[in-house]
PDB file of all heavy atoms in Angstrom:
ATOM      1  N   TYR A   1       0.848  -1.197   0.000  1.00  0.00           N
ATOM      2  CA  TYR A   1       0.000   0.000   0.000  1.00  0.00           C
ATOM      3  C   TYR A   1       0.882   1.246   0.000  1.00  0.00           C
ATOM      4  O   TYR A   1       1.135   1.860   1.030  1.00  0.00           O
ATOM      5  CB  TYR A   1      -0.912   0.009   1.227  1.00  0.00           C
ATOM      6  CG  TYR A   1      -1.966  -1.066   1.245  1.00  0.00           C
ATOM      7  CD1 TYR A   1      -2.628  -1.400   2.421  1.00  0.00           C
ATOM      8  CD2 TYR A   1      -2.311  -1.762   0.085  1.00  0.00           C
ATOM      9  CE1 TYR A   1      -3.600  -2.392   2.444  1.00  0.00           C
ATOM     10  CE2 TYR A   1      -3.276  -2.752   0.103  1.00  0.00           C
ATOM     11  CZ  TYR A   1      -3.915  -3.062   1.289  1.00  0.00           C
ATOM     12  OH  TYR A   1      -4.879  -4.045   1.297  1.00  0.00           O
ATOM     13  N   GLN A   2       1.372   1.606  -1.164  1.00  0.00           N
ATOM     14  CA  GLN A   2       2.297   2.725  -1.250  1.00  0.00           C
ATOM     15  C   GLN A   2       1.563   4.051  -1.453  1.00  0.00           C
ATOM     16  O   GLN A   2       0.377   4.086  -1.782  1.00  0.00           O
ATOM     17  CB  GLN A   2       3.300   2.502  -2.377  1.00  0.00           C
ATOM     18  CG  GLN A   2       2.688   2.318  -3.752  1.00  0.00           C
ATOM     19  CD  GLN A   2       3.733   2.168  -4.825  1.00  0.00           C
ATOM     20  OE1 GLN A   2       4.575   3.050  -5.014  1.00  0.00           O
ATOM     21  NE2 GLN A   2       3.705   1.063  -5.553  1.00  0.00           N
ATOM     22  N   GLU A   3       2.309   5.123  -1.271  1.00  0.00           N
ATOM     23  CA  GLU A   3       1.779   6.472  -1.418  1.00  0.00           C
ATOM     24  C   GLU A   3       2.076   6.997  -2.822  1.00  0.00           C
ATOM     25  O   GLU A   3       3.190   6.844  -3.313  1.00  0.00           O
ATOM     26  CB  GLU A   3       2.421   7.420  -0.405  1.00  0.00           C
ATOM     27  CG  GLU A   3       2.104   7.107   1.037  1.00  0.00           C
ATOM     28  CD  GLU A   3       0.711   7.547   1.434  1.00  0.00           C
ATOM     29  OE1 GLU A   3       0.290   8.640   1.008  1.00  0.00           O
ATOM     30  OE2 GLU A   3       0.045   6.788   2.168  1.00  0.00           O
ATOM     31  N   PRO A   4       1.096   7.628  -3.471  1.00  0.00           N
ATOM     32  CA  PRO A   4       1.392   8.245  -4.767  1.00  0.00           C
ATOM     33  C   PRO A   4       2.315   9.443  -4.591  1.00  0.00           C
ATOM     34  O   PRO A   4       2.463   9.975  -3.479  1.00  0.00           O
ATOM     35  CB  PRO A   4       0.015   8.671  -5.283  1.00  0.00           C
ATOM     36  CG  PRO A   4      -0.812   8.833  -4.051  1.00  0.00           C
ATOM     37  CD  PRO A   4      -0.299   7.828  -3.069  1.00  0.00           C
ATOM     38  N   MET A   5       2.924   9.862  -5.675  1.00  0.00           N
ATOM     39  CA  MET A   5       3.841  10.995  -5.633  1.00  0.00           C
ATOM     40  C   MET A   5       3.589  11.883  -6.842  1.00  0.00           C
ATOM     41  O   MET A   5       2.886  11.503  -7.784  1.00  0.00           O
ATOM     42  CB  MET A   5       5.291  10.505  -5.656  1.00  0.00           C
ATOM     43  CG  MET A   5       5.622   9.669  -6.873  1.00  0.00           C
ATOM     44  SD  MET A   5       7.389   9.535  -7.206  1.00  0.00           S
ATOM     45  CE  MET A   5       7.766  11.186  -7.776  1.00  0.00           C
ATOM     46  N   ASN A   6       4.146  13.082  -6.805  1.00  0.00           N
ATOM     47  CA  ASN A   6       4.012  14.017  -7.920  1.00  0.00           C
ATOM     48  C   ASN A   6       5.142  13.815  -8.915  1.00  0.00           C
ATOM     49  O   ASN A   6       6.319  13.898  -8.551  1.00  0.00           O
ATOM     50  CB  ASN A   6       4.025  15.460  -7.410  1.00  0.00           C
ATOM     51  CG  ASN A   6       2.773  15.808  -6.644  1.00  0.00           C
ATOM     52  OD1 ASN A   6       1.706  15.241  -6.885  1.00  0.00           O
ATOM     53  ND2 ASN A   6       2.878  16.737  -5.709  1.00  0.00           N
ATOM     54  N   LEU A   7       4.781  13.544 -10.148  1.00  0.00           N
ATOM     55  CA  LEU A   7       5.737  13.437 -11.248  1.00  0.00           C
ATOM     56  C   LEU A   7       5.573  14.660 -12.124  1.00  0.00           C
ATOM     57  O   LEU A   7       4.488  14.909 -12.645  1.00  0.00           O
ATOM     58  CB  LEU A   7       5.488  12.169 -12.065  1.00  0.00           C
ATOM     59  CG  LEU A   7       6.240  12.072 -13.401  1.00  0.00           C
ATOM     60  CD1 LEU A   7       7.743  11.978 -13.157  1.00  0.00           C
ATOM     61  CD2 LEU A   7       5.752  10.888 -14.225  1.00  0.00           C
ATOM     62  N   THR A   8       6.643  15.413 -12.306  1.00  0.00           N
ATOM     63  CA  THR A   8       6.594  16.622 -13.117  1.00  0.00           C
ATOM     64  C   THR A   8       7.218  16.360 -14.479  1.00  0.00           C
ATOM     65  O   THR A   8       8.383  15.974 -14.577  1.00  0.00           O
ATOM     66  CB  THR A   8       7.330  17.781 -12.422  1.00  0.00           C
ATOM     67  OG1 THR A   8       6.697  18.054 -11.170  1.00  0.00           O
ATOM     68  CG2 THR A   8       7.300  19.036 -13.286  1.00  0.00           C
ATOM     69  N   ILE A   9       6.418  16.562 -15.521  1.00  0.00           N
ATOM     70  CA  ILE A   9       6.905  16.501 -16.891  1.00  0.00           C
ATOM     71  C   ILE A   9       7.171  17.934 -17.325  1.00  0.00           C
ATOM     72  O   ILE A   9       6.257  18.763 -17.357  1.00  0.00           O
ATOM     73  CB  ILE A   9       5.871  15.839 -17.833  1.00  0.00           C
ATOM     74  CG1 ILE A   9       5.562  14.421 -17.366  1.00  0.00           C
ATOM     75  CG2 ILE A   9       6.380  15.853 -19.273  1.00  0.00           C
ATOM     76  CD1 ILE A   9       6.748  13.486 -17.396  1.00  0.00           C
ATOM     77  N   GLY A  10       8.421  18.230 -17.632  1.00  0.00           N
ATOM     78  CA  GLY A  10       8.789  19.599 -17.944  1.00  0.00           C
ATOM     79  C   GLY A  10       8.747  19.896 -19.430  1.00  0.00           C
ATOM     80  O   GLY A  10       8.768  18.993 -20.269  1.00  0.00           O
ATOM     81  N   SER A  11       8.693  21.185 -19.738  1.00  0.00           N
ATOM     82  CA  SER A  11       8.748  21.626 -21.131  1.00  0.00           C
ATOM     83  C   SER A  11      10.213  21.740 -21.527  1.00  0.00           C
ATOM     84  O   SER A  11      10.786  22.833 -21.563  1.00  0.00           O
ATOM     85  CB  SER A  11       8.038  22.980 -21.288  1.00  0.00           C
ATOM     86  OG  SER A  11       8.148  23.468 -22.602  1.00  0.00           O
ATOM     87  N   VAL A  12      10.828  20.586 -21.814  1.00  0.00           N
ATOM     88  CA  VAL A  12      12.261  20.539 -22.084  1.00  0.00           C
ATOM     89  C   VAL A  12      12.522  20.492 -23.589  1.00  0.00           C
ATOM     90  O   VAL A  12      11.641  20.194 -24.386  1.00  0.00           O
ATOM     91  CB  VAL A  12      12.911  19.324 -21.393  1.00  0.00           C
ATOM     92  CG1 VAL A  12      12.829  19.472 -19.882  1.00  0.00           C
ATOM     93  CG2 VAL A  12      12.243  18.022 -21.840  1.00  0.00           C
ATOM     94  N   ARG A  13      13.767  20.760 -23.958  1.00  0.00           N
ATOM     95  CA  ARG A  13      14.107  20.861 -25.377  1.00  0.00           C
ATOM     96  C   ARG A  13      14.334  19.507 -26.040  1.00  0.00           C
ATOM     97  O   ARG A  13      14.073  19.355 -27.218  1.00  0.00           O
ATOM     98  CB  ARG A  13      15.368  21.714 -25.545  1.00  0.00           C
ATOM     99  CG  ARG A  13      15.118  23.209 -25.405  1.00  0.00           C
ATOM    100  CD  ARG A  13      16.336  23.976 -25.898  1.00  0.00           C
ATOM    101  NE  ARG A  13      16.066  25.403 -25.963  1.00  0.00           N
ATOM    102  CZ  ARG A  13      16.649  26.318 -25.198  1.00  0.00           C
ATOM    103  NH1 ARG A  13      17.507  25.936 -24.271  1.00  0.00           N
ATOM    104  NH2 ARG A  13      16.359  27.595 -25.347  1.00  0.00           N
ATOM    105  N   THR A  14      14.840  18.545 -25.305  1.00  0.00           N
ATOM    106  CA  THR A  14      15.175  17.269 -25.927  1.00  0.00           C
ATOM    107  C   THR A  14      14.593  16.117 -25.119  1.00  0.00           C
ATOM    108  O   THR A  14      14.361  16.235 -23.905  1.00  0.00           O
ATOM    109  CB  THR A  14      16.699  17.080 -26.042  1.00  0.00           C
ATOM    110  OG1 THR A  14      17.252  16.968 -24.721  1.00  0.00           O
ATOM    111  CG2 THR A  14      17.345  18.244 -26.779  1.00  0.00           C
ATOM    112  N   LEU A  15      14.393  14.982 -25.800  1.00  0.00           N
ATOM    113  CA  LEU A  15      13.873  13.800 -25.128  1.00  0.00           C
ATOM    114  C   LEU A  15      14.904  13.200 -24.189  1.00  0.00           C
ATOM    115  O   LEU A  15      14.547  12.527 -23.216  1.00  0.00           O
ATOM    116  CB  LEU A  15      13.420  12.771 -26.161  1.00  0.00           C
ATOM    117  CG  LEU A  15      12.211  13.193 -27.011  1.00  0.00           C
ATOM    118  CD1 LEU A  15      11.871  12.108 -28.027  1.00  0.00           C
ATOM    119  CD2 LEU A  15      10.997  13.485 -26.132  1.00  0.00           C
ATOM    120  N   ASP A  16      16.184  13.421 -24.450  1.00  0.00           N
ATOM    121  CA  ASP A  16      17.224  12.966 -23.530  1.00  0.00           C
ATOM    122  C   ASP A  16      17.069  13.647 -22.174  1.00  0.00           C
ATOM    123  O   ASP A  16      17.211  13.009 -21.124  1.00  0.00           O
ATOM    124  CB  ASP A  16      18.615  13.259 -24.097  1.00  0.00           C
ATOM    125  CG  ASP A  16      18.990  12.315 -25.221  1.00  0.00           C
ATOM    126  OD1 ASP A  16      18.339  11.253 -25.348  1.00  0.00           O
ATOM    127  OD2 ASP A  16      19.929  12.631 -25.981  1.00  0.00           O
ATOM    128  N   ARG A  17      16.777  14.936 -22.207  1.00  0.00           N
ATOM    129  CA  ARG A  17      16.562  15.657 -20.947  1.00  0.00           C
ATOM    130  C   ARG A  17      15.320  15.151 -20.241  1.00  0.00           C
ATOM    131  O   ARG A  17      15.283  15.055 -19.007  1.00  0.00           O
ATOM    132  CB  ARG A  17      16.435  17.160 -21.220  1.00  0.00           C
ATOM    133  CG  ARG A  17      17.738  17.828 -21.630  1.00  0.00           C
ATOM    134  CD  ARG A  17      17.584  19.340 -21.670  1.00  0.00           C
ATOM    135  NE  ARG A  17      18.809  19.996 -22.084  1.00  0.00           N
ATOM    136  CZ  ARG A  17      18.950  21.319 -22.152  1.00  0.00           C
ATOM    137  NH1 ARG A  17      17.947  22.115 -21.837  1.00  0.00           N
ATOM    138  NH2 ARG A  17      20.100  21.848 -22.551  1.00  0.00           N
ATOM    139  N   LEU A  18      14.298  14.834 -21.013  1.00  0.00           N
ATOM    140  CA  LEU A  18      13.084  14.280 -20.412  1.00  0.00           C
ATOM    141  C   LEU A  18      13.397  12.964 -19.716  1.00  0.00           C
ATOM    142  O   LEU A  18      12.965  12.736 -18.582  1.00  0.00           O
ATOM    143  CB  LEU A  18      12.020  14.066 -21.481  1.00  0.00           C
ATOM    144  CG  LEU A  18      10.741  13.377 -20.994  1.00  0.00           C
ATOM    145  CD1 LEU A  18       9.968  14.289 -20.058  1.00  0.00           C
ATOM    146  CD2 LEU A  18       9.871  12.952 -22.165  1.00  0.00           C
ATOM    147  N   ALA A  19      14.153  12.081 -20.382  1.00  0.00           N
ATOM    148  CA  ALA A  19      14.499  10.788 -19.793  1.00  0.00           C
ATOM    149  C   ALA A  19      15.274  10.978 -18.490  1.00  0.00           C
ATOM    150  O   ALA A  19      15.008  10.289 -17.491  1.00  0.00           O
ATOM    151  CB  ALA A  19      15.315   9.962 -20.791  1.00  0.00           C
ATOM    152  N   ARG A  20      16.221  11.908 -18.481  1.00  0.00           N
ATOM    153  CA  ARG A  20      16.997  12.151 -17.262  1.00  0.00           C
ATOM    154  C   ARG A  20      16.112  12.685 -16.147  1.00  0.00           C
ATOM    155  O   ARG A  20      16.249  12.288 -14.987  1.00  0.00           O
ATOM    156  CB  ARG A  20      18.145  13.124 -17.553  1.00  0.00           C
ATOM    157  CG  ARG A  20      19.249  12.532 -18.417  1.00  0.00           C
ATOM    158  CD  ARG A  20      20.520  13.376 -18.334  1.00  0.00           C
ATOM    159  NE  ARG A  20      20.318  14.713 -18.854  1.00  0.00           N
ATOM    160  CZ  ARG A  20      20.507  15.054 -20.134  1.00  0.00           C
ATOM    161  NH1 ARG A  20      20.873  14.126 -21.010  1.00  0.00           N
ATOM    162  NH2 ARG A  20      20.345  16.291 -20.532  1.00  0.00           N
ATOM    163  N   SER A  21      15.205  13.587 -16.490  1.00  0.00           N
ATOM    164  CA  SER A  21      14.325  14.173 -15.484  1.00  0.00           C
ATOM    165  C   SER A  21      13.409  13.123 -14.869  1.00  0.00           C
ATOM    166  O   SER A  21      13.263  13.048 -13.640  1.00  0.00           O
ATOM    167  CB  SER A  21      13.485  15.293 -16.118  1.00  0.00           C
ATOM    168  OG  SER A  21      12.504  15.765 -15.220  1.00  0.00           O
ATOM    169  N   VAL A  22      12.794  12.303 -15.708  1.00  0.00           N
ATOM    170  CA  VAL A  22      11.886  11.270 -15.206  1.00  0.00           C
ATOM    171  C   VAL A  22      12.654  10.230 -14.399  1.00  0.00           C
ATOM    172  O   VAL A  22      12.199   9.763 -13.357  1.00  0.00           O
ATOM    173  CB  VAL A  22      11.120  10.611 -16.368  1.00  0.00           C
ATOM    174  CG1 VAL A  22      10.295   9.429 -15.879  1.00  0.00           C
ATOM    175  CG2 VAL A  22      10.217  11.637 -17.042  1.00  0.00           C
ATOM    176  N   GLY A  23      13.871   9.880 -14.879  1.00  0.00           N
ATOM    177  CA  GLY A  23      14.683   8.908 -14.164  1.00  0.00           C
ATOM    178  C   GLY A  23      15.070   9.369 -12.770  1.00  0.00           C
ATOM    179  O   GLY A  23      15.261   8.554 -11.869  1.00  0.00           O
ATOM    180  N   LYS A  24      15.195  10.673 -12.579  1.00  0.00           N
ATOM    181  CA  LYS A  24      15.517  11.207 -11.249  1.00  0.00           C
ATOM    182  C   LYS A  24      14.317  11.177 -10.315  1.00  0.00           C
ATOM    183  O   LYS A  24      14.487  11.220  -9.094  1.00  0.00           O
ATOM    184  CB  LYS A  24      16.030  12.643 -11.377  1.00  0.00           C
ATOM    185  CG  LYS A  24      17.407  12.770 -12.011  1.00  0.00           C
ATOM    186  CD  LYS A  24      17.817  14.225 -12.148  1.00  0.00           C
ATOM    187  CE  LYS A  24      19.189  14.352 -12.799  1.00  0.00           C
ATOM    188  NZ  LYS A  24      19.585  15.773 -12.976  1.00  0.00           N
ATOM    189  N   GLN A  25      13.117  11.115 -10.879  1.00  0.00           N
ATOM    190  CA  GLN A  25      11.919  11.183 -10.056  1.00  0.00           C
ATOM    191  C   GLN A  25      11.303   9.822  -9.750  1.00  0.00           C
ATOM    192  O   GLN A  25      10.633   9.660  -8.731  1.00  0.00           O
ATOM    193  CB  GLN A  25      10.860  12.052 -10.749  1.00  0.00           C
ATOM    194  CG  GLN A  25      11.277  13.495 -10.957  1.00  0.00           C
ATOM    195  CD  GLN A  25      10.212  14.286 -11.696  1.00  0.00           C
ATOM    196  OE1 GLN A  25       9.150  14.604 -11.152  1.00  0.00           O
ATOM    197  NE2 GLN A  25      10.480  14.595 -12.956  1.00  0.00           N
ATOM    198  N   LEU A  26      11.522   8.841 -10.627  1.00  0.00           N
ATOM    199  CA  LEU A  26      10.893   7.533 -10.489  1.00  0.00           C
ATOM    200  C   LEU A  26      11.934   6.437 -10.281  1.00  0.00           C
ATOM    201  O   LEU A  26      13.130   6.661 -10.440  1.00  0.00           O
ATOM    202  CB  LEU A  26      10.069   7.211 -11.740  1.00  0.00           C
ATOM    203  CG  LEU A  26       8.918   8.158 -12.073  1.00  0.00           C
ATOM    204  CD1 LEU A  26       8.240   7.724 -13.366  1.00  0.00           C
ATOM    205  CD2 LEU A  26       7.914   8.220 -10.934  1.00  0.00           C
ATOM    206  N   MET A  27      11.454   5.235  -9.962  1.00  0.00           N
ATOM    207  CA  MET A  27      12.339   4.092  -9.808  1.00  0.00           C
ATOM    208  C   MET A  27      12.943   3.694 -11.150  1.00  0.00           C
ATOM    209  O   MET A  27      14.026   3.118 -11.213  1.00  0.00           O
ATOM    210  CB  MET A  27      11.575   2.903  -9.207  1.00  0.00           C
ATOM    211  CG  MET A  27      12.466   1.730  -8.835  1.00  0.00           C
ATOM    212  SD  MET A  27      11.565   0.365  -8.058  1.00  0.00           S
ATOM    213  CE  MET A  27      10.745  -0.347  -9.492  1.00  0.00           C
ATOM    214  N   ILE A  28      12.233   4.018 -12.248  1.00  0.00           N
ATOM    215  CA  ILE A  28      12.734   3.684 -13.574  1.00  0.00           C
ATOM    216  C   ILE A  28      14.074   4.381 -13.796  1.00  0.00           C
ATOM    217  O   ILE A  28      14.219   5.567 -13.511  1.00  0.00           O
ATOM    218  CB  ILE A  28      11.765   4.156 -14.677  1.00  0.00           C
ATOM    219  CG1 ILE A  28      10.346   3.713 -14.388  1.00  0.00           C
ATOM    220  CG2 ILE A  28      12.216   3.644 -16.041  1.00  0.00           C
ATOM    221  CD1 ILE A  28       9.320   4.350 -15.319  1.00  0.00           C
ATOM    222  N   ASP A  29      15.024   3.650 -14.342  1.00  0.00           N
ATOM    223  CA  ASP A  29      16.302   4.252 -14.698  1.00  0.00           C
ATOM    224  C   ASP A  29      16.139   5.056 -15.984  1.00  0.00           C
ATOM    225  O   ASP A  29      15.382   4.671 -16.877  1.00  0.00           O
ATOM    226  CB  ASP A  29      17.347   3.161 -14.895  1.00  0.00           C
ATOM    227  CG  ASP A  29      18.737   3.737 -15.089  1.00  0.00           C
ATOM    228  OD1 ASP A  29      19.408   4.019 -14.091  1.00  0.00           O
ATOM    229  OD2 ASP A  29      19.132   3.912 -16.262  1.00  0.00           O
TER     230      ASP A  29
END
Protein backbone atom coordinates (compact mmCIF):
# COMPACT_ATOMS: atom_id res chain seq x y z
CA TYR A 1 0.00 0.00 0.00
CA GLN A 2 2.30 2.72 -1.25
CA GLU A 3 1.78 6.47 -1.42
CA PRO A 4 1.39 8.24 -4.77
CA MET A 5 3.84 10.99 -5.63
CA ASN A 6 4.01 14.02 -7.92
CA LEU A 7 5.74 13.44 -11.25
CA THR A 8 6.59 16.62 -13.12
CA ILE A 9 6.90 16.50 -16.89
CA GLY A 10 8.79 19.60 -17.94
CA SER A 11 8.75 21.63 -21.13
CA VAL A 12 12.26 20.54 -22.08
CA ARG A 13 14.11 20.86 -25.38
CA THR A 14 15.17 17.27 -25.93
CA LEU A 15 13.87 13.80 -25.13
CA ASP A 16 17.22 12.97 -23.53
CA ARG A 17 16.56 15.66 -20.95
CA LEU A 18 13.08 14.28 -20.41
CA ALA A 19 14.50 10.79 -19.79
CA ARG A 20 17.00 12.15 -17.26
CA SER A 21 14.32 14.17 -15.48
CA VAL A 22 11.89 11.27 -15.21
CA GLY A 23 14.68 8.91 -14.16
CA LYS A 24 15.52 11.21 -11.25
CA GLN A 25 11.92 11.18 -10.06
CA LEU A 26 10.89 7.53 -10.49
CA MET A 27 12.34 4.09 -9.81
CA ILE A 28 12.73 3.68 -13.57
CA ASP A 29 16.30 4.25 -14.70
